[in-house]
């Protein structure tokens, strides 16, 4: 089923956006919540809803196969906790999400094997491979907005990276996140993380994968890039 239509998959994505928005509104992110509420089915990623990522048959945007890390998605969904509605919607949406990898990461990976241990999926907003295509809502006060998912394999360091978009993460599983003082702190499921434009941030996992939803506002079309040394040194 295509999310670009009016079917239940696209409706689930929009319902997820509203549910995430309510969590953000209750945590002081009113502008981001209002921007999410303005999104509708027409902004859903047209490449979502094809195949079954949990079963290894999904494809990302275009003809590419699902990234290898998607094999960890069933385990992440089993461990996901937090808002009951958000978790239930994620279990419905994530397996057929358009999982892909940031092109700049593939061209210059931070370490051997990282490209196989990370993926993201844009659920609402401009398609990853069509940066000039309209789709994200231009909302007063925040600019464009996009909603997506990020998946990180167990025992993986996602080194410091940055982007011009303002970002709020909603982790659904536990992981260690880079603190402003330079150390890593454990963040449980449901612990929101806010990164301002160009603020370096990083994550690392232990025995279990990290699954998180994210909301980008502002410049959502410029991809993330890794920070130069020494910020990108191994954790």
C-alpha atoms as a PDB file:
ATOM      1  CA  UNK A   1       0.000   0.000   0.000  1.00  0.00           C
ATOM      2  CA  UNK A   2       1.364   3.409  -0.902  1.00  0.00           C
ATOM      3  CA  UNK A   3       1.534   6.144   1.685  1.00  0.00           C
ATOM      4  CA  UNK A   4       0.992   8.681  -1.049  1.00  0.00           C
ATOM      5  CA  UNK A   5      -2.627   7.620  -1.241  1.00  0.00           C
ATOM      6  CA  UNK A   6      -5.377   7.778   1.335  1.00  0.00           C
ATOM      7  CA  UNK A   7      -4.993   4.223   2.616  1.00  0.00           C
ATOM      8  CA  UNK A   8      -4.544   3.121   6.197  1.00  0.00           C
ATOM      9  CA  UNK A   9      -0.734   3.156   6.048  1.00  0.00           C
ATOM     10  CA  UNK A  10      -0.636   6.891   5.356  1.00  0.00           C
ATOM     11  CA  UNK A  11      -3.343   7.469   7.947  1.00  0.00           C
ATOM     12  CA  UNK A  12      -1.253   5.597  10.528  1.00  0.00           C
ATOM     13  CA  UNK A  13       1.735   7.843   9.777  1.00  0.00           C
ATOM     14  CA  UNK A  14      -0.339  11.003  10.229  1.00  0.00           C
ATOM     15  CA  UNK A  15      -1.845   9.621  13.453  1.00  0.00           C
ATOM     16  CA  UNK A  16       1.693   8.866  14.658  1.00  0.00           C
ATOM     17  CA  UNK A  17       2.724  12.444  13.878  1.00  0.00           C
ATOM     18  CA  UNK A  18      -0.162  13.786  15.958  1.00  0.00           C
ATOM     19  CA  UNK A  19       0.656  11.429  18.837  1.00  0.00           C
ATOM     20  CA  UNK A  20       4.332  12.460  18.820  1.00  0.00           C
ATOM     21  CA  UNK A  21       3.196  16.073  18.626  1.00  0.00           C
ATOM     22  CA  UNK A  22       1.137  15.718  21.784  1.00  0.00           C
ATOM     23  CA  UNK A  23       4.189  14.359  23.622  1.00  0.00           C
ATOM     24  CA  UNK A  24       6.267  17.293  22.393  1.00  0.00           C
ATOM     25  CA  UNK A  25       3.595  19.803  23.382  1.00  0.00           C
ATOM     26  CA  UNK A  26       3.613  18.424  26.907  1.00  0.00           C
ATOM     27  CA  UNK A  27       7.387  18.837  27.105  1.00  0.00           C
ATOM     28  CA  UNK A  28       7.710  22.456  25.999  1.00  0.00           C
ATOM     29  CA  UNK A  29       8.028  21.962  22.232  1.00  0.00           C
ATOM     30  CA  UNK A  30       4.781  23.660  21.271  1.00  0.00           C
ATOM     31  CA  UNK A  31       5.935  25.019  17.901  1.00  0.00           C
ATOM     32  CA  UNK A  32       7.174  21.630  16.720  1.00  0.00           C
ATOM     33  CA  UNK A  33       3.930  20.031  17.912  1.00  0.00           C
ATOM     34  CA  UNK A  34       1.824  22.546  15.991  1.00  0.00           C
ATOM     35  CA  UNK A  35       3.911  21.978  12.871  1.00  0.00           C
ATOM     36  CA  UNK A  36       3.363  18.208  13.121  1.00  0.00           C
ATOM     37  CA  UNK A  37      -0.361  18.798  13.517  1.00  0.00           C
ATOM     38  CA  UNK A  38      -0.331  20.728  10.223  1.00  0.00           C
ATOM     39  CA  UNK A  39       1.028  17.750   8.259  1.00  0.00           C
ATOM     40  CA  UNK A  40      -1.401  15.545   6.364  1.00  0.00           C
ATOM     41  CA  UNK A  41      -1.427  12.480   4.143  1.00  0.00           C
ATOM     42  CA  UNK A  42      -0.165  14.452   1.134  1.00  0.00           C
ATOM     43  CA  UNK A  43       3.175  14.954   2.930  1.00  0.00           C
ATOM     44  CA  UNK A  44       3.678  11.235   3.581  1.00  0.00           C
ATOM     45  CA  UNK A  45       6.722   9.699   1.953  1.00  0.00           C
ATOM     46  CA  UNK A  46       5.595   8.242  -1.393  1.00  0.00           C
ATOM     47  CA  UNK A  47       8.070   5.373  -1.100  1.00  0.00           C
ATOM     48  CA  UNK A  48       6.818   4.103   2.244  1.00  0.00           C
ATOM     49  CA  UNK A  49       4.485   1.194   2.619  1.00  0.00           C
ATOM     50  CA  UNK A  50       6.101  -1.260   0.218  1.00  0.00           C
ATOM     51  CA  UNK A  51       7.369  -4.634   1.358  1.00  0.00           C
ATOM     52  CA  UNK A  52       8.077  -5.897   4.852  1.00  0.00           C
ATOM     53  CA  UNK A  53      11.303  -4.607   6.364  1.00  0.00           C
ATOM     54  CA  UNK A  54      11.035  -6.937   9.317  1.00  0.00           C
ATOM     55  CA  UNK A  55      11.030  -9.829   6.904  1.00  0.00           C
ATOM     56  CA  UNK A  56      13.933  -8.540   4.853  1.00  0.00           C
ATOM     57  CA  UNK A  57      11.878  -7.874   1.716  1.00  0.00           C
ATOM     58  CA  UNK A  58      11.388  -4.129   2.022  1.00  0.00           C
ATOM     59  CA  UNK A  59      12.999  -1.617  -0.265  1.00  0.00           C
ATOM     60  CA  UNK A  60      14.023   1.918   0.523  1.00  0.00           C
ATOM     61  CA  UNK A  61      13.434   4.781  -1.914  1.00  0.00           C
ATOM     62  CA  UNK A  62      14.115   3.557  -5.437  1.00  0.00           C
ATOM     63  CA  UNK A  63      15.351   0.031  -6.187  1.00  0.00           C
ATOM     64  CA  UNK A  64      17.775  -0.368  -3.281  1.00  0.00           C
ATOM     65  CA  UNK A  65      17.236  -3.251  -0.841  1.00  0.00           C
ATOM     66  CA  UNK A  66      16.560  -2.581   2.807  1.00  0.00           C
ATOM     67  CA  UNK A  67      19.750  -1.667   4.712  1.00  0.00           C
ATOM     68  CA  UNK A  68      21.274  -4.594   6.641  1.00  0.00           C
ATOM     69  CA  UNK A  69      20.513  -3.023  10.036  1.00  0.00           C
ATOM     70  CA  UNK A  70      16.793  -3.550   9.413  1.00  0.00           C
ATOM     71  CA  UNK A  71      17.292  -7.139  10.581  1.00  0.00           C
ATOM     72  CA  UNK A  72      17.399  -5.639  14.104  1.00  0.00           C
ATOM     73  CA  UNK A  73      14.044  -3.892  13.717  1.00  0.00           C
ATOM     74  CA  UNK A  74      11.888  -6.736  15.134  1.00  0.00           C
ATOM     75  CA  UNK A  75      14.025  -6.831  18.292  1.00  0.00           C
ATOM     76  CA  UNK A  76      13.858  -3.049  18.632  1.00  0.00           C
ATOM     77  CA  UNK A  77      10.087  -3.040  18.227  1.00  0.00           C
ATOM     78  CA  UNK A  78       9.755  -5.771  20.844  1.00  0.00           C
ATOM     79  CA  UNK A  79      11.754  -3.699  23.326  1.00  0.00           C
ATOM     80  CA  UNK A  80      10.107  -0.362  22.473  1.00  0.00           C
ATOM     81  CA  UNK A  81       8.427   1.332  25.420  1.00  0.00           C
ATOM     82  CA  UNK A  82       6.920   4.713  26.169  1.00  0.00           C
ATOM     83  CA  UNK A  83       3.587   6.144  25.097  1.00  0.00           C
ATOM     84  CA  UNK A  84       1.306   3.216  24.379  1.00  0.00           C
ATOM     85  CA  UNK A  85      -0.231   4.849  21.311  1.00  0.00           C
ATOM     86  CA  UNK A  86       3.132   5.836  19.842  1.00  0.00           C
ATOM     87  CA  UNK A  87       4.583   2.348  20.343  1.00  0.00           C
ATOM     88  CA  UNK A  88       1.516   0.677  18.824  1.00  0.00           C
ATOM     89  CA  UNK A  89       1.619   2.959  15.787  1.00  0.00           C
ATOM     90  CA  UNK A  90       5.355   2.423  15.348  1.00  0.00           C
ATOM     91  CA  UNK A  91       4.846  -1.330  15.328  1.00  0.00           C
ATOM     92  CA  UNK A  92       2.350  -0.836  12.514  1.00  0.00           C
ATOM     93  CA  UNK A  93       4.391   1.709  10.526  1.00  0.00           C
ATOM     94  CA  UNK A  94       8.079   0.828  10.978  1.00  0.00           C
ATOM     95  CA  UNK A  95       8.192  -2.570   9.213  1.00  0.00           C
ATOM     96  CA  UNK A  96       7.108  -1.013   5.891  1.00  0.00           C
ATOM     97  CA  UNK A  97       8.890   2.332   6.337  1.00  0.00           C
ATOM     98  CA  UNK A  98      11.254   3.497   3.521  1.00  0.00           C
ATOM     99  CA  UNK A  99      14.484   2.620   5.341  1.00  0.00           C
ATOM    100  CA  UNK A 100      17.574   4.110   3.731  1.00  0.00           C
ATOM    101  CA  UNK A 101      20.971   5.596   4.595  1.00  0.00           C
ATOM    102  CA  UNK A 102      22.351   9.119   4.350  1.00  0.00           C
ATOM    103  CA  UNK A 103      24.349   9.433   1.116  1.00  0.00           C
ATOM    104  CA  UNK A 104      27.138  11.418   2.773  1.00  0.00           C
ATOM    105  CA  UNK A 105      27.556   8.604   5.320  1.00  0.00           C
ATOM    106  CA  UNK A 106      27.904   6.016   2.563  1.00  0.00           C
ATOM    107  CA  UNK A 107      30.472   8.094   0.703  1.00  0.00           C
ATOM    108  CA  UNK A 108      32.607   8.713   3.796  1.00  0.00           C
ATOM    109  CA  UNK A 109      31.687   6.304   6.607  1.00  0.00           C
ATOM    110  CA  UNK A 110      33.183   7.060  10.023  1.00  0.00           C
ATOM    111  CA  UNK A 111      34.290   3.468  10.560  1.00  0.00           C
ATOM    112  CA  UNK A 112      34.360   0.108   8.852  1.00  0.00           C
ATOM    113  CA  UNK A 113      30.930  -1.478   8.862  1.00  0.00           C
ATOM    114  CA  UNK A 114      29.029   1.588  10.095  1.00  0.00           C
ATOM    115  CA  UNK A 115      26.960   1.768   6.920  1.00  0.00           C
ATOM    116  CA  UNK A 116      25.531  -1.660   7.714  1.00  0.00           C
ATOM    117  CA  UNK A 117      24.631  -0.688  11.287  1.00  0.00           C
ATOM    118  CA  UNK A 118      22.566   2.441  10.759  1.00  0.00           C
ATOM    119  CA  UNK A 119      19.456   3.492   8.822  1.00  0.00           C
ATOM    120  CA  UNK A 120      16.718   6.081   8.908  1.00  0.00           C
ATOM    121  CA  UNK A 121      13.278   6.443   7.345  1.00  0.00           C
ATOM    122  CA  UNK A 122      11.477   9.670   6.450  1.00  0.00           C
ATOM    123  CA  UNK A 123       7.779   9.182   7.159  1.00  0.00           C
ATOM    124  CA  UNK A 124       6.489  12.712   6.613  1.00  0.00           C
ATOM    125  CA  UNK A 125       8.381  15.418   4.743  1.00  0.00           C
ATOM    126  CA  UNK A 126      10.481  15.739   1.591  1.00  0.00           C
ATOM    127  CA  UNK A 127      11.589  12.380   0.117  1.00  0.00           C
ATOM    128  CA  UNK A 128      15.282  11.725   0.790  1.00  0.00           C
ATOM    129  CA  UNK A 129      16.167  11.365  -2.874  1.00  0.00           C
ATOM    130  CA  UNK A 130      14.062  14.224  -4.179  1.00  0.00           C
ATOM    131  CA  UNK A 131      15.430  17.252  -2.311  1.00  0.00           C
ATOM    132  CA  UNK A 132      13.591  19.759  -4.495  1.00  0.00           C
ATOM    133  CA  UNK A 133      10.197  18.052  -4.233  1.00  0.00           C
ATOM    134  CA  UNK A 134       7.612  19.910  -2.189  1.00  0.00           C
ATOM    135  CA  UNK A 135       6.106  17.830   0.569  1.00  0.00           C
ATOM    136  CA  UNK A 136       7.019  19.190   3.976  1.00  0.00           C
ATOM    137  CA  UNK A 137       4.738  21.823   5.390  1.00  0.00           C
ATOM    138  CA  UNK A 138       6.224  25.306   5.636  1.00  0.00           C
ATOM    139  CA  UNK A 139       4.931  26.226   9.076  1.00  0.00           C
ATOM    140  CA  UNK A 140       5.292  29.729  10.582  1.00  0.00           C
ATOM    141  CA  UNK A 141       7.992  29.889  13.234  1.00  0.00           C
ATOM    142  CA  UNK A 142       9.713  26.617  12.376  1.00  0.00           C
ATOM    143  CA  UNK A 143       9.877  26.455   8.566  1.00  0.00           C
ATOM    144  CA  UNK A 144       9.544  22.980   7.108  1.00  0.00           C
ATOM    145  CA  UNK A 145       8.963  19.924   9.242  1.00  0.00           C
ATOM    146  CA  UNK A 146       9.753  16.235   8.803  1.00  0.00           C
ATOM    147  CA  UNK A 147       9.050  13.146  10.913  1.00  0.00           C
ATOM    148  CA  UNK A 148      11.259  10.082  10.704  1.00  0.00           C
ATOM    149  CA  UNK A 149      12.703   7.026  12.412  1.00  0.00           C
ATOM    150  CA  UNK A 150      16.310   6.080  13.168  1.00  0.00           C
ATOM    151  CA  UNK A 151      17.602   2.552  13.806  1.00  0.00           C
ATOM    152  CA  UNK A 152      21.033   1.734  15.221  1.00  0.00           C
ATOM    153  CA  UNK A 153      22.406  -1.807  15.616  1.00  0.00           C
ATOM    154  CA  UNK A 154      23.629  -3.187  18.959  1.00  0.00           C
ATOM    155  CA  UNK A 155      27.205  -2.373  20.014  1.00  0.00           C
ATOM    156  CA  UNK A 156      27.433   0.574  17.640  1.00  0.00           C
ATOM    157  CA  UNK A 157      28.808   4.095  18.039  1.00  0.00           C
ATOM    158  CA  UNK A 158      27.025   6.731  15.949  1.00  0.00           C
ATOM    159  CA  UNK A 159      29.766   9.400  16.058  1.00  0.00           C
ATOM    160  CA  UNK A 160      29.167  13.124  16.563  1.00  0.00           C
ATOM    161  CA  UNK A 161      27.287  14.595  13.631  1.00  0.00           C
ATOM    162  CA  UNK A 162      25.372  17.772  12.904  1.00  0.00           C
ATOM    163  CA  UNK A 163      22.874  19.355  10.540  1.00  0.00           C
ATOM    164  CA  UNK A 164      21.125  22.715  10.067  1.00  0.00           C
ATOM    165  CA  UNK A 165      17.725  21.348  11.099  1.00  0.00           C
ATOM    166  CA  UNK A 166      16.480  21.708  14.660  1.00  0.00           C
ATOM    167  CA  UNK A 167      15.841  18.193  15.966  1.00  0.00           C
ATOM    168  CA  UNK A 168      13.889  16.537  18.747  1.00  0.00           C
ATOM    169  CA  UNK A 169      14.455  12.806  19.280  1.00  0.00           C
ATOM    170  CA  UNK A 170      12.016  10.481  21.031  1.00  0.00           C
ATOM    171  CA  UNK A 171      13.956   7.303  21.905  1.00  0.00           C
ATOM    172  CA  UNK A 172      11.819   4.167  22.082  1.00  0.00           C
ATOM    173  CA  UNK A 173      14.658   2.034  23.485  1.00  0.00           C
ATOM    174  CA  UNK A 174      17.511   2.794  25.848  1.00  0.00           C
ATOM    175  CA  UNK A 175      20.936   3.979  24.667  1.00  0.00           C
ATOM    176  CA  UNK A 176      23.763   6.307  25.688  1.00  0.00           C
ATOM    177  CA  UNK A 177      23.641   9.825  24.231  1.00  0.00           C
ATOM    178  CA  UNK A 178      26.309  12.500  24.033  1.00  0.00           C
ATOM    179  CA  UNK A 179      25.892  15.132  26.743  1.00  0.00           C
ATOM    180  CA  UNK A 180      26.823  18.801  26.183  1.00  0.00           C
ATOM    181  CA  UNK A 181      29.812  18.324  28.517  1.00  0.00           C
ATOM    182  CA  UNK A 182      31.286  15.740  26.143  1.00  0.00           C
ATOM    183  CA  UNK A 183      30.425  12.588  28.086  1.00  0.00           C
ATOM    184  CA  UNK A 184      27.791   9.955  27.356  1.00  0.00           C
ATOM    185  CA  UNK A 185      24.739   9.524  29.571  1.00  0.00           C
ATOM    186  CA  UNK A 186      22.098   6.762  29.560  1.00  0.00           C
ATOM    187  CA  UNK A 187      18.755   7.937  28.204  1.00  0.00           C
ATOM    188  CA  UNK A 188      15.738   5.692  28.785  1.00  0.00           C
ATOM    189  CA  UNK A 189      12.891   5.182  26.358  1.00  0.00           C
ATOM    190  CA  UNK A 190      10.684   8.265  26.323  1.00  0.00           C
ATOM    191  CA  UNK A 191      13.486  10.662  27.328  1.00  0.00           C
ATOM    192  CA  UNK A 192      13.325  13.476  24.768  1.00  0.00           C
ATOM    193  CA  UNK A 193      16.607  14.824  23.358  1.00  0.00           C
ATOM    194  CA  UNK A 194      16.720  18.282  21.745  1.00  0.00           C
ATOM    195  CA  UNK A 195      19.494  19.301  19.340  1.00  0.00           C
ATOM    196  CA  UNK A 196      19.613  22.858  18.073  1.00  0.00           C
ATOM    197  CA  UNK A 197      20.794  23.600  14.514  1.00  0.00           C
ATOM    198  CA  UNK A 198      24.417  22.498  14.018  1.00  0.00           C
ATOM    199  CA  UNK A 199      24.685  21.152  17.597  1.00  0.00           C
ATOM    200  CA  UNK A 200      26.953  18.060  17.580  1.00  0.00           C
ATOM    201  CA  UNK A 201      25.242  14.949  18.926  1.00  0.00           C
ATOM    202  CA  UNK A 202      25.985  11.239  19.064  1.00  0.00           C
ATOM    203  CA  UNK A 203      24.666   7.929  20.385  1.00  0.00           C
ATOM    204  CA  UNK A 204      26.018   4.514  21.267  1.00  0.00           C
ATOM    205  CA  UNK A 205      24.282   1.235  21.917  1.00  0.00           C
ATOM    206  CA  UNK A 206      25.077  -1.753  24.070  1.00  0.00           C
ATOM    207  CA  UNK A 207      23.564  -5.204  23.758  1.00  0.00           C
ATOM    208  CA  UNK A 208      20.330  -3.966  22.176  1.00  0.00           C
ATOM    209  CA  UNK A 209      19.424  -1.790  19.174  1.00  0.00           C
ATOM    210  CA  UNK A 210      18.260   1.806  19.387  1.00  0.00           C
ATOM    211  CA  UNK A 211      14.989   2.819  17.751  1.00  0.00           C
ATOM    212  CA  UNK A 212      13.967   6.456  17.928  1.00  0.00           C
ATOM    213  CA  UNK A 213      11.523   8.802  16.263  1.00  0.00           C
ATOM    214  CA  UNK A 214      12.766  12.267  15.320  1.00  0.00           C
ATOM    215  CA  UNK A 215      11.238  15.568  14.321  1.00  0.00           C
ATOM    216  CA  UNK A 216      13.239  17.961  12.145  1.00  0.00           C
ATOM    217  CA  UNK A 217      12.184  21.575  11.653  1.00  0.00           C
ATOM    218  CA  UNK A 218      13.727  24.406   9.677  1.00  0.00           C
ATOM    219  CA  UNK A 219      16.161  23.283   6.984  1.00  0.00           C
ATOM    220  CA  UNK A 220      15.035  19.667   6.666  1.00  0.00           C
ATOM    221  CA  UNK A 221      16.488  19.213   3.162  1.00  0.00           C
ATOM    222  CA  UNK A 222      20.205  19.515   3.990  1.00  0.00           C
ATOM    223  CA  UNK A 223      21.542  16.118   5.092  1.00  0.00           C
ATOM    224  CA  UNK A 224      23.469  15.402   8.247  1.00  0.00           C
ATOM    225  CA  UNK A 225      27.277  15.228   8.188  1.00  0.00           C
ATOM    226  CA  UNK A 226      29.860  13.941  10.608  1.00  0.00           C
ATOM    227  CA  UNK A 227      31.798  16.411  12.720  1.00  0.00           C
ATOM    228  CA  UNK A 228      35.528  16.823  12.037  1.00  0.00           C
ATOM    229  CA  UNK A 229      38.091  15.530  14.554  1.00  0.00           C
ATOM    230  CA  UNK A 230      38.482  15.519  17.470  1.00  0.00           C
ATOM    231  CA  UNK A 231      34.702  15.335  18.010  1.00  0.00           C
ATOM    232  CA  UNK A 232      34.385  12.203  15.896  1.00  0.00           C
ATOM    233  CA  UNK A 233      37.005  10.212  17.855  1.00  0.00           C
ATOM    234  CA  UNK A 234      35.793   6.788  19.043  1.00  0.00           C
ATOM    235  CA  UNK A 235      33.738   6.828  22.226  1.00  0.00           C
END
